[in-house]
């Protein structure tokens, strides 16, 4: 918990309490409604209430595949923060059954595999994504960093990261 951010969160607590009593009455169903729920979930997470953040997201209705992917990856993130990496992995696996070719779900799945210690499966999943989406530097970056972090074929890892960096030279996720 970052103490520098605490005053902001203290000011937001009344809004969170008010929203819990009358959730989203000002929003129509759909994009605005989901955005409000996502924002409320993030506020709850930032105040340390992971259980409440999960509850909000699990009840969130989505109207399109973009909202679906955002909700499922956010839930997996929160489950991972709780230490329930297997549950997060299962959640993403279920989401992938609905959208099997979704780039974000595939990358999240591979990162969770790595977190679970299933490195070979994570690398194979990312290799598949670089075949399916060869022009997406984020896939090359994820593959390169998983390989480098696990000391696997470092020359290839470096080549993959350089490929991603040449496509997105200003992207902070690649530069790190």
C-alpha atoms as a PDB file:
ATOM      1  CA  UNK A   1       0.000   0.000   0.000  1.00  0.00           C
ATOM      2  CA  UNK A   2       1.597   3.229  -1.164  1.00  0.00           C
ATOM      3  CA  UNK A   3       1.252   5.862   1.571  1.00  0.00           C
ATOM      4  CA  UNK A   4       1.703   8.685  -0.943  1.00  0.00           C
ATOM      5  CA  UNK A   5      -1.563   7.608  -2.571  1.00  0.00           C
ATOM      6  CA  UNK A   6      -3.419   7.186   0.699  1.00  0.00           C
ATOM      7  CA  UNK A   7      -4.960  10.681   0.916  1.00  0.00           C
ATOM      8  CA  UNK A   8      -6.550  10.191  -2.498  1.00  0.00           C
ATOM      9  CA  UNK A   9      -8.018   6.865  -1.447  1.00  0.00           C
ATOM     10  CA  UNK A  10      -9.326   8.293   1.795  1.00  0.00           C
ATOM     11  CA  UNK A  11     -11.152  10.959  -0.205  1.00  0.00           C
ATOM     12  CA  UNK A  12     -12.575   8.264  -2.483  1.00  0.00           C
ATOM     13  CA  UNK A  13     -13.915   6.044   0.307  1.00  0.00           C
ATOM     14  CA  UNK A  14     -17.194   8.005   0.662  1.00  0.00           C
ATOM     15  CA  UNK A  15     -17.768   7.628  -3.084  1.00  0.00           C
ATOM     16  CA  UNK A  16     -17.118   3.896  -2.852  1.00  0.00           C
ATOM     17  CA  UNK A  17     -19.577   3.560   0.021  1.00  0.00           C
ATOM     18  CA  UNK A  18     -22.178   5.603  -1.875  1.00  0.00           C
ATOM     19  CA  UNK A  19     -21.714   3.455  -4.998  1.00  0.00           C
ATOM     20  CA  UNK A  20     -22.112   0.278  -2.931  1.00  0.00           C
ATOM     21  CA  UNK A  21     -25.513   1.504  -1.718  1.00  0.00           C
ATOM     22  CA  UNK A  22     -26.734   2.720  -5.118  1.00  0.00           C
ATOM     23  CA  UNK A  23     -24.537   1.015  -7.683  1.00  0.00           C
ATOM     24  CA  UNK A  24     -24.367   2.623 -11.087  1.00  0.00           C
ATOM     25  CA  UNK A  25     -27.839   4.189 -11.149  1.00  0.00           C
ATOM     26  CA  UNK A  26     -26.445   7.015 -13.297  1.00  0.00           C
ATOM     27  CA  UNK A  27     -25.063   4.670 -15.994  1.00  0.00           C
ATOM     28  CA  UNK A  28     -26.844   2.860 -18.764  1.00  0.00           C
ATOM     29  CA  UNK A  29     -26.106  -0.793 -19.325  1.00  0.00           C
ATOM     30  CA  UNK A  30     -23.168  -1.323 -21.598  1.00  0.00           C
ATOM     31  CA  UNK A  31     -19.930   0.584 -21.994  1.00  0.00           C
ATOM     32  CA  UNK A  32     -20.459   3.275 -19.362  1.00  0.00           C
ATOM     33  CA  UNK A  33     -21.865   0.787 -16.889  1.00  0.00           C
ATOM     34  CA  UNK A  34     -18.979  -1.619 -17.336  1.00  0.00           C
ATOM     35  CA  UNK A  35     -16.421   1.200 -17.181  1.00  0.00           C
ATOM     36  CA  UNK A  36     -17.950   2.348 -13.894  1.00  0.00           C
ATOM     37  CA  UNK A  37     -17.822  -1.177 -12.466  1.00  0.00           C
ATOM     38  CA  UNK A  38     -14.221  -1.590 -13.605  1.00  0.00           C
ATOM     39  CA  UNK A  39     -13.316   1.740 -12.035  1.00  0.00           C
ATOM     40  CA  UNK A  40     -15.010   0.817  -8.772  1.00  0.00           C
ATOM     41  CA  UNK A  41     -13.204  -2.512  -8.760  1.00  0.00           C
ATOM     42  CA  UNK A  42      -9.874  -0.742  -9.239  1.00  0.00           C
ATOM     43  CA  UNK A  43     -10.685   1.636  -6.391  1.00  0.00           C
ATOM     44  CA  UNK A  44     -11.483  -1.295  -4.136  1.00  0.00           C
ATOM     45  CA  UNK A  45      -8.244  -3.014  -5.175  1.00  0.00           C
ATOM     46  CA  UNK A  46      -6.225   0.146  -4.535  1.00  0.00           C
ATOM     47  CA  UNK A  47      -7.678   0.424  -1.038  1.00  0.00           C
ATOM     48  CA  UNK A  48      -6.672  -3.183  -0.361  1.00  0.00           C
ATOM     49  CA  UNK A  49     -10.129  -4.735  -0.626  1.00  0.00           C
ATOM     50  CA  UNK A  50      -9.355  -7.464  -3.180  1.00  0.00           C
ATOM     51  CA  UNK A  51     -12.408  -9.505  -2.173  1.00  0.00           C
ATOM     52  CA  UNK A  52     -14.713  -6.549  -2.908  1.00  0.00           C
ATOM     53  CA  UNK A  53     -12.900  -5.838  -6.181  1.00  0.00           C
ATOM     54  CA  UNK A  54     -13.447  -9.451  -7.254  1.00  0.00           C
ATOM     55  CA  UNK A  55     -17.092  -9.356  -6.246  1.00  0.00           C
ATOM     56  CA  UNK A  56     -17.712  -6.246  -8.338  1.00  0.00           C
ATOM     57  CA  UNK A  57     -16.067  -7.724 -11.421  1.00  0.00           C
ATOM     58  CA  UNK A  58     -17.713 -11.126 -11.088  1.00  0.00           C
ATOM     59  CA  UNK A  59     -21.110  -9.406 -11.139  1.00  0.00           C
ATOM     60  CA  UNK A  60     -20.203  -7.079 -14.015  1.00  0.00           C
ATOM     61  CA  UNK A  61     -22.273  -7.549 -17.132  1.00  0.00           C
ATOM     62  CA  UNK A  62     -20.438  -7.177 -20.425  1.00  0.00           C
ATOM     63  CA  UNK A  63     -21.867  -6.295 -23.822  1.00  0.00           C
ATOM     64  CA  UNK A  64     -19.013  -7.114 -26.194  1.00  0.00           C
ATOM     65  CA  UNK A  65     -15.874  -9.191 -26.518  1.00  0.00           C
ATOM     66  CA  UNK A  66     -13.621  -6.291 -25.498  1.00  0.00           C
ATOM     67  CA  UNK A  67     -15.401  -5.899 -22.174  1.00  0.00           C
ATOM     68  CA  UNK A  68     -15.408  -9.679 -21.742  1.00  0.00           C
ATOM     69  CA  UNK A  69     -11.622  -9.889 -22.193  1.00  0.00           C
ATOM     70  CA  UNK A  70     -11.054  -6.909 -19.888  1.00  0.00           C
ATOM     71  CA  UNK A  71     -13.260  -8.420 -17.184  1.00  0.00           C
ATOM     72  CA  UNK A  72     -11.704 -11.871 -17.377  1.00  0.00           C
ATOM     73  CA  UNK A  73      -8.105 -10.639 -17.369  1.00  0.00           C
ATOM     74  CA  UNK A  74      -8.882  -8.265 -14.473  1.00  0.00           C
ATOM     75  CA  UNK A  75     -10.447 -11.113 -12.483  1.00  0.00           C
ATOM     76  CA  UNK A  76      -7.428 -13.312 -13.212  1.00  0.00           C
ATOM     77  CA  UNK A  77      -5.145 -10.488 -12.062  1.00  0.00           C
ATOM     78  CA  UNK A  78      -7.039 -10.164  -8.774  1.00  0.00           C
ATOM     79  CA  UNK A  79      -7.049 -13.922  -8.223  1.00  0.00           C
ATOM     80  CA  UNK A  80      -3.298 -13.903  -8.790  1.00  0.00           C
ATOM     81  CA  UNK A  81      -2.904 -11.114  -6.216  1.00  0.00           C
ATOM     82  CA  UNK A  82      -4.743 -13.318  -3.742  1.00  0.00           C
ATOM     83  CA  UNK A  83      -2.280 -16.110  -4.452  1.00  0.00           C
ATOM     84  CA  UNK A  84      -4.874 -18.188  -6.286  1.00  0.00           C
ATOM     85  CA  UNK A  85      -2.809 -18.621  -9.454  1.00  0.00           C
ATOM     86  CA  UNK A  86      -4.502 -21.928 -10.354  1.00  0.00           C
ATOM     87  CA  UNK A  87      -7.904 -20.264 -10.145  1.00  0.00           C
ATOM     88  CA  UNK A  88      -6.622 -17.407 -12.315  1.00  0.00           C
ATOM     89  CA  UNK A  89      -5.306 -19.911 -14.844  1.00  0.00           C
ATOM     90  CA  UNK A  90      -8.635 -21.766 -14.899  1.00  0.00           C
ATOM     91  CA  UNK A  91     -10.495 -18.483 -15.380  1.00  0.00           C
ATOM     92  CA  UNK A  92      -8.394 -17.594 -18.417  1.00  0.00           C
ATOM     93  CA  UNK A  93      -8.722 -21.139 -19.806  1.00  0.00           C
ATOM     94  CA  UNK A  94     -12.508 -20.812 -19.619  1.00  0.00           C
ATOM     95  CA  UNK A  95     -12.391 -17.401 -21.295  1.00  0.00           C
ATOM     96  CA  UNK A  96     -10.205 -18.844 -24.058  1.00  0.00           C
ATOM     97  CA  UNK A  97     -12.933 -21.380 -24.788  1.00  0.00           C
ATOM     98  CA  UNK A  98     -15.184 -18.438 -25.659  1.00  0.00           C
ATOM     99  CA  UNK A  99     -12.496 -16.492 -27.582  1.00  0.00           C
ATOM    100  CA  UNK A 100      -9.766 -19.007 -28.490  1.00  0.00           C
ATOM    101  CA  UNK A 101      -7.839 -16.656 -30.827  1.00  0.00           C
ATOM    102  CA  UNK A 102      -7.859 -13.570 -28.570  1.00  0.00           C
ATOM    103  CA  UNK A 103      -4.318 -12.227 -28.270  1.00  0.00           C
ATOM    104  CA  UNK A 104      -4.716 -10.766 -24.759  1.00  0.00           C
ATOM    105  CA  UNK A 105      -6.179 -13.968 -23.345  1.00  0.00           C
ATOM    106  CA  UNK A 106      -3.448 -16.103 -24.884  1.00  0.00           C
ATOM    107  CA  UNK A 107      -0.672 -13.879 -23.520  1.00  0.00           C
ATOM    108  CA  UNK A 108      -2.278 -13.736 -20.056  1.00  0.00           C
ATOM    109  CA  UNK A 109      -2.635 -17.531 -20.131  1.00  0.00           C
ATOM    110  CA  UNK A 110       1.062 -17.972 -20.953  1.00  0.00           C
ATOM    111  CA  UNK A 111       2.129 -15.547 -18.208  1.00  0.00           C
ATOM    112  CA  UNK A 112       0.028 -17.467 -15.691  1.00  0.00           C
ATOM    113  CA  UNK A 113       1.561 -20.731 -16.884  1.00  0.00           C
ATOM    114  CA  UNK A 114       4.991 -19.248 -16.221  1.00  0.00           C
ATOM    115  CA  UNK A 115       3.894 -18.048 -12.776  1.00  0.00           C
ATOM    116  CA  UNK A 116       2.726 -21.611 -12.077  1.00  0.00           C
ATOM    117  CA  UNK A 117       6.127 -22.975 -13.072  1.00  0.00           C
ATOM    118  CA  UNK A 118       4.948 -24.549 -16.319  1.00  0.00           C
ATOM    119  CA  UNK A 119       7.633 -22.804 -18.353  1.00  0.00           C
ATOM    120  CA  UNK A 120       7.694 -25.094 -21.405  1.00  0.00           C
ATOM    121  CA  UNK A 121       3.935 -24.736 -21.896  1.00  0.00           C
ATOM    122  CA  UNK A 122       4.204 -20.952 -21.493  1.00  0.00           C
ATOM    123  CA  UNK A 123       6.931 -20.779 -24.130  1.00  0.00           C
ATOM    124  CA  UNK A 124       5.036 -23.078 -26.511  1.00  0.00           C
ATOM    125  CA  UNK A 125       1.896 -20.982 -26.117  1.00  0.00           C
ATOM    126  CA  UNK A 126       3.848 -17.831 -26.915  1.00  0.00           C
ATOM    127  CA  UNK A 127       5.548 -19.479 -29.882  1.00  0.00           C
ATOM    128  CA  UNK A 128       2.091 -20.324 -31.207  1.00  0.00           C
ATOM    129  CA  UNK A 129       0.993 -16.713 -30.738  1.00  0.00           C
ATOM    130  CA  UNK A 130       4.008 -15.424 -32.683  1.00  0.00           C
ATOM    131  CA  UNK A 131       2.955 -17.694 -35.552  1.00  0.00           C
ATOM    132  CA  UNK A 132      -0.682 -16.565 -35.367  1.00  0.00           C
ATOM    133  CA  UNK A 133       0.191 -12.883 -34.801  1.00  0.00           C
ATOM    134  CA  UNK A 134       3.692 -12.469 -36.301  1.00  0.00           C
ATOM    135  CA  UNK A 135       3.373  -8.677 -36.579  1.00  0.00           C
ATOM    136  CA  UNK A 136       2.426  -8.149 -32.932  1.00  0.00           C
ATOM    137  CA  UNK A 137       5.572  -7.155 -31.031  1.00  0.00           C
ATOM    138  CA  UNK A 138       3.959  -7.817 -27.644  1.00  0.00           C
ATOM    139  CA  UNK A 139       3.979 -11.556 -28.355  1.00  0.00           C
ATOM    140  CA  UNK A 140       7.662 -11.489 -29.308  1.00  0.00           C
ATOM    141  CA  UNK A 141       8.435  -9.417 -26.216  1.00  0.00           C
ATOM    142  CA  UNK A 142       6.598 -11.790 -23.865  1.00  0.00           C
ATOM    143  CA  UNK A 143       8.291 -14.810 -25.440  1.00  0.00           C
ATOM    144  CA  UNK A 144      11.722 -13.205 -25.216  1.00  0.00           C
ATOM    145  CA  UNK A 145      11.339 -12.156 -21.595  1.00  0.00           C
ATOM    146  CA  UNK A 146       9.968 -15.500 -20.404  1.00  0.00           C
ATOM    147  CA  UNK A 147      12.896 -17.230 -22.075  1.00  0.00           C
ATOM    148  CA  UNK A 148      15.414 -14.737 -20.680  1.00  0.00           C
ATOM    149  CA  UNK A 149      13.946 -14.777 -17.169  1.00  0.00           C
ATOM    150  CA  UNK A 150      14.220 -18.561 -17.132  1.00  0.00           C
ATOM    151  CA  UNK A 151      17.683 -18.698 -18.739  1.00  0.00           C
ATOM    152  CA  UNK A 152      16.456 -20.563 -21.828  1.00  0.00           C
ATOM    153  CA  UNK A 153      18.115 -20.060 -25.233  1.00  0.00           C
ATOM    154  CA  UNK A 154      19.302 -16.583 -24.363  1.00  0.00           C
ATOM    155  CA  UNK A 155      20.433 -15.769 -27.920  1.00  0.00           C
ATOM    156  CA  UNK A 156      16.911 -16.450 -29.194  1.00  0.00           C
ATOM    157  CA  UNK A 157      15.393 -14.521 -26.289  1.00  0.00           C
ATOM    158  CA  UNK A 158      17.551 -11.516 -27.120  1.00  0.00           C
ATOM    159  CA  UNK A 159      16.583 -11.746 -30.807  1.00  0.00           C
ATOM    160  CA  UNK A 160      12.855 -11.833 -29.926  1.00  0.00           C
ATOM    161  CA  UNK A 161      13.132  -8.840 -27.598  1.00  0.00           C
ATOM    162  CA  UNK A 162      15.108  -6.892 -30.222  1.00  0.00           C
ATOM    163  CA  UNK A 163      12.419  -7.703 -32.788  1.00  0.00           C
ATOM    164  CA  UNK A 164       9.759  -6.333 -30.446  1.00  0.00           C
ATOM    165  CA  UNK A 165      11.867  -3.277 -29.632  1.00  0.00           C
ATOM    166  CA  UNK A 166      12.435  -2.451 -33.308  1.00  0.00           C
ATOM    167  CA  UNK A 167       8.667  -2.510 -33.883  1.00  0.00           C
ATOM    168  CA  UNK A 168       7.842  -0.445 -30.764  1.00  0.00           C
ATOM    169  CA  UNK A 169      10.985   1.447 -29.750  1.00  0.00           C
ATOM    170  CA  UNK A 170       9.192   3.756 -27.292  1.00  0.00           C
ATOM    171  CA  UNK A 171       7.037   1.134 -25.548  1.00  0.00           C
ATOM    172  CA  UNK A 172       7.962   1.065 -21.841  1.00  0.00           C
ATOM    173  CA  UNK A 173       6.872  -2.581 -21.538  1.00  0.00           C
ATOM    174  CA  UNK A 174       9.488  -3.556 -24.091  1.00  0.00           C
ATOM    175  CA  UNK A 175      12.205  -1.138 -23.009  1.00  0.00           C
ATOM    176  CA  UNK A 176      12.291  -2.489 -19.437  1.00  0.00           C
END
